[in-house]
Amino acid sequence: MILLDNDIHTERIRKRYERVSRIYDFLEKPMENMAMGEWRREMVKELQGKVLEIGVGTGKNIEYYPDSLDITAIDFSQRMIDKASLKVEKLNKDVKLLVMDAQNMEFEDNTFDTVFTTCVFCSVPDPVKGLKEIKRVCKREGKIILLEHVKSEQKVIGVLMDLFNPLVVNLYGANINRNTVKNVGKAGFINIKVENIWKDIVKRIIIYNE
């Protein structure tokens, strides 16, 4: 089988996440303790109906999942899913975990009432393609919630993020200089609400699918 350039790039990023899966929670712990945990807790309060989490990773959101909802969670890394599975078992949550690429989801059109992500579109190789997939699998008039870090619009900080981005991508697999708000528009979304959560770097993006 011949892999296309995007497939090769996806495989490269997937392997980086496989590599850091054992220490991923340790690396993320400072941010979780500072604010991220609270942001996650508040975000899941908005989930309704049949829910899809994209990029579940090691399962940091699982403890906050409401028990009343039908939740499916995907990630392109088997090792990340294995970590998330342990949390599902420990917390006794009813969650369907699947290994799946956000750029090529296997769900039918108009499947989910709510789709959400937390710090995922920094690492999706083709973010616009991934966002278009979300638009496809989310029901019409459904809700999409993205909690994402993006490139700062402040000149000095933005330049620094550009300079350090190659190092972060090679070590970790994530881009720190993505313009996710712009990518949301490129994916065809119109009804978009953006809120700065921390400075202009961490944003809460609410999309109503149309």
Protein backbone atom coordinates (compact mmCIF):
# COMPACT_ATOMS: atom_id res chain seq x y z
CA MET A 1 0.00 0.00 0.00
CA ILE A 2 1.34 3.43 -0.94
CA LEU A 3 0.90 6.07 1.76
CA LEU A 4 0.02 9.62 0.74
CA ASP A 5 1.99 12.54 2.20
CA ASN A 6 -0.74 13.32 4.74
CA ASP A 7 -0.87 9.65 5.79
CA ILE A 8 2.90 9.62 6.30
CA HIS A 9 2.68 12.81 8.37
CA THR A 10 -0.20 11.39 10.42
CA GLU A 11 1.76 8.21 11.13
CA ARG A 12 4.78 10.26 12.19
CA ILE A 13 2.70 12.30 14.67
CA ARG A 14 0.91 9.19 15.93
CA LYS A 15 4.23 7.53 16.73
CA ARG A 16 5.33 10.58 18.72
CA TYR A 17 2.21 10.34 20.87
CA GLU A 18 2.75 6.60 21.25
CA ARG A 19 6.26 7.38 22.46
CA VAL A 20 5.19 9.91 25.12
CA SER A 21 2.07 8.05 26.24
CA ARG A 22 3.76 6.58 29.34
CA ILE A 23 4.75 10.01 30.70
CA TYR A 24 2.02 12.12 29.07
CA ASP A 25 0.04 12.68 32.29
CA PHE A 26 3.24 13.64 34.12
CA LEU A 27 4.15 16.17 31.43
CA GLU A 28 0.67 17.69 31.50
CA LYS A 29 0.24 17.71 35.29
CA PRO A 30 1.47 21.31 35.93
CA MET A 31 -1.08 22.72 33.47
CA GLU A 32 -3.82 20.48 34.87
CA ASN A 33 -3.13 21.70 38.40
CA MET A 34 -3.04 25.35 37.38
CA ALA A 35 -6.23 25.66 35.38
CA MET A 36 -6.85 23.00 32.78
CA GLY A 37 -8.70 20.65 35.11
CA GLU A 38 -11.21 23.36 35.98
CA TRP A 39 -11.64 24.31 32.31
CA ARG A 40 -12.39 20.69 31.50
CA ARG A 41 -14.91 20.41 34.33
CA GLU A 42 -16.79 23.49 33.15
CA MET A 43 -16.77 22.42 29.51
CA VAL A 44 -18.37 19.02 30.03
CA LYS A 45 -21.33 20.67 31.72
CA GLU A 46 -22.41 21.76 28.23
CA LEU A 47 -22.47 18.26 26.73
CA GLN A 48 -25.87 17.02 25.61
CA GLY A 49 -27.35 13.97 23.93
CA LYS A 50 -25.13 11.63 21.95
CA VAL A 51 -21.56 12.88 22.47
CA LEU A 52 -18.24 12.43 20.68
CA GLU A 53 -14.90 13.37 22.21
CA ILE A 54 -12.13 13.62 19.63
CA GLY A 55 -8.58 13.08 20.85
CA VAL A 56 -9.41 11.51 24.21
CA GLY A 57 -5.70 10.91 24.83
CA THR A 58 -5.07 9.30 28.22
CA GLY A 59 -8.60 10.19 29.29
CA LYS A 60 -8.20 13.42 31.22
CA ASN A 61 -11.85 14.37 30.65
CA ILE A 62 -13.29 10.99 31.62
CA GLU A 63 -13.66 11.73 35.32
CA TYR A 64 -15.88 14.69 34.44
CA TYR A 65 -18.16 12.83 32.01
CA PRO A 66 -21.82 13.00 33.11
CA ASP A 67 -23.15 9.48 33.71
CA SER A 68 -26.41 10.30 31.95
CA LEU A 69 -24.92 10.75 28.46
CA ASP A 70 -24.06 8.37 25.61
CA ILE A 71 -20.37 9.15 25.05
CA THR A 72 -17.97 7.84 22.42
CA ALA A 73 -14.31 8.87 22.57
CA ILE A 74 -11.66 8.38 19.90
CA ASP A 75 -7.90 8.76 19.54
CA PHE A 76 -5.47 7.77 16.79
CA SER A 77 -3.01 6.27 19.30
CA GLN A 78 -3.66 2.76 20.62
CA ARG A 79 -1.41 3.39 23.61
CA MET A 80 -3.38 6.51 24.52
CA ILE A 81 -6.62 4.54 24.25
CA ASP A 82 -5.13 1.85 26.49
CA LYS A 83 -4.40 4.51 29.13
CA ALA A 84 -7.91 5.93 28.79
CA SER A 85 -9.38 2.43 29.16
CA LEU A 86 -7.76 2.08 32.57
CA LYS A 87 -9.44 5.30 33.71
CA VAL A 88 -12.81 4.18 32.35
CA GLU A 89 -12.49 0.96 34.36
CA LYS A 90 -11.25 2.69 37.51
CA LEU A 91 -14.00 5.33 37.43
CA ASN A 92 -16.67 2.82 36.35
CA LYS A 93 -17.73 4.97 33.40
CA ASP A 94 -19.81 3.73 30.46
CA VAL A 95 -17.77 5.04 27.54
CA LYS A 96 -17.11 3.60 24.10
CA LEU A 97 -13.41 4.01 23.28
CA LEU A 98 -12.22 3.61 19.68
CA VAL A 99 -8.91 3.92 17.86
CA MET A 100 -9.77 6.27 15.00
CA ASP A 101 -8.24 9.14 13.03
CA ALA A 102 -10.11 12.43 13.38
CA GLN A 103 -9.31 13.16 9.73
CA ASN A 104 -11.09 10.02 8.52
CA MET A 105 -13.83 9.07 10.97
CA GLU A 106 -15.87 5.94 10.39
CA PHE A 107 -19.14 7.35 11.74
CA GLU A 108 -22.15 8.09 9.56
CA ASP A 109 -23.19 11.65 8.77
CA ASN A 110 -25.27 13.51 11.39
CA THR A 111 -24.50 11.06 14.20
CA PHE A 112 -23.68 13.21 17.26
CA ASP A 113 -25.52 15.97 19.11
CA THR A 114 -22.32 17.32 20.67
CA VAL A 115 -18.68 17.01 19.58
CA PHE A 116 -15.87 18.33 21.74
CA THR A 117 -12.08 18.52 21.94
CA THR A 118 -9.50 19.73 24.44
CA CYS A 119 -6.11 20.71 23.03
CA VAL A 120 -6.42 18.42 20.03
CA PHE A 121 -6.22 20.56 16.90
CA CYS A 122 -2.64 21.49 17.72
CA SER A 123 -1.69 17.98 16.62
CA VAL A 124 -4.15 16.94 13.89
CA PRO A 125 -1.90 16.88 10.78
CA ASP A 126 -4.55 18.41 8.51
CA PRO A 127 -6.70 20.45 10.92
CA VAL A 128 -9.13 21.71 8.26
CA LYS A 129 -9.81 18.16 7.11
CA GLY A 130 -10.40 17.12 10.71
CA LEU A 131 -12.78 20.01 11.28
CA LYS A 132 -14.69 19.14 8.12
CA GLU A 133 -15.08 15.62 9.47
CA ILE A 134 -16.52 17.06 12.67
CA LYS A 135 -18.98 19.08 10.61
CA ARG A 136 -20.01 15.89 8.81
CA VAL A 137 -20.56 13.68 11.85
CA CYS A 138 -22.21 16.37 13.98
CA LYS A 139 -25.97 16.67 13.57
CA ARG A 140 -27.45 19.72 11.95
CA GLU A 141 -28.08 22.26 14.72
CA GLY A 142 -25.68 20.22 16.87
CA LYS A 143 -23.03 21.85 19.05
CA ILE A 144 -19.24 21.68 18.79
CA ILE A 145 -17.03 22.80 21.67
CA LEU A 146 -13.28 23.25 21.18
CA LEU A 147 -10.93 24.15 24.02
CA GLU A 148 -7.70 24.86 22.16
CA HIS A 149 -4.40 26.68 22.50
CA VAL A 150 -3.41 28.83 19.51
CA LYS A 151 -0.74 31.22 18.34
CA SER A 152 -0.78 34.53 20.18
CA GLU A 153 -1.61 37.64 18.19
CA GLN A 154 0.91 39.59 20.27
CA LYS A 155 3.86 40.11 17.97
CA VAL A 156 6.75 39.13 20.25
CA ILE A 157 4.98 36.11 21.75
CA GLY A 158 3.79 35.00 18.31
CA VAL A 159 7.33 35.14 16.91
CA LEU A 160 8.64 33.11 19.85
CA MET A 161 5.93 30.50 19.32
CA ASP A 162 6.94 30.23 15.66
CA LEU A 163 10.61 29.84 16.63
CA PHE A 164 9.98 27.11 19.21
CA ASN A 165 7.32 25.27 17.22
CA PRO A 166 9.67 22.91 15.28
CA LEU A 167 11.24 21.75 18.55
CA VAL A 168 7.88 21.10 20.20
CA VAL A 169 6.52 19.27 17.14
CA ASN A 170 9.56 17.00 16.89
CA LEU A 171 9.61 16.16 20.59
CA TYR A 172 5.93 16.05 21.36
CA GLY A 173 3.87 16.08 18.17
CA ALA A 174 1.92 19.26 18.93
CA ASN A 175 2.05 22.62 17.15
CA ILE A 176 2.04 25.69 19.39
CA ASN A 177 1.41 28.18 16.60
CA ARG A 178 -1.83 27.00 14.99
CA ASN A 179 -4.61 29.46 14.10
CA THR A 180 -7.52 27.19 14.95
CA VAL A 181 -10.14 29.94 14.76
CA LYS A 182 -9.15 30.64 11.15
CA ASN A 183 -9.15 26.91 10.39
CA VAL A 184 -12.70 26.62 11.75
CA GLY A 185 -13.80 29.17 9.17
CA LYS A 186 -11.90 27.36 6.41
CA ALA A 187 -13.80 24.19 7.30
CA GLY A 188 -17.08 25.88 6.42
CA PHE A 189 -18.45 26.78 9.83
CA ILE A 190 -20.33 30.07 10.08
CA ASN A 191 -22.01 30.31 13.49
CA ILE A 192 -18.92 30.60 15.70
CA LYS A 193 -18.38 32.11 19.14
CA VAL A 194 -14.84 32.60 20.46
CA GLU A 195 -13.89 33.33 24.06
CA ASN A 196 -10.38 33.92 25.41
CA ILE A 197 -9.81 31.66 28.43
CA TRP A 198 -6.17 32.52 29.13
CA LYS A 199 -4.74 35.63 27.50
CA ASP A 200 -5.24 35.21 23.73
CA ILE A 201 -3.58 31.77 23.68
CA VAL A 202 -6.17 29.41 25.18
CA LYS A 203 -9.57 29.80 23.55
CA ARG A 204 -12.99 28.30 23.96
CA ILE A 205 -14.59 28.00 20.53
CA ILE A 206 -18.33 27.25 20.36
CA ILE A 207 -19.74 26.25 16.97
CA TYR A 208 -23.40 25.66 16.12
CA ASN A 209 -23.51 23.35 13.14
CA GLU A 210 -25.62 24.55 10.23
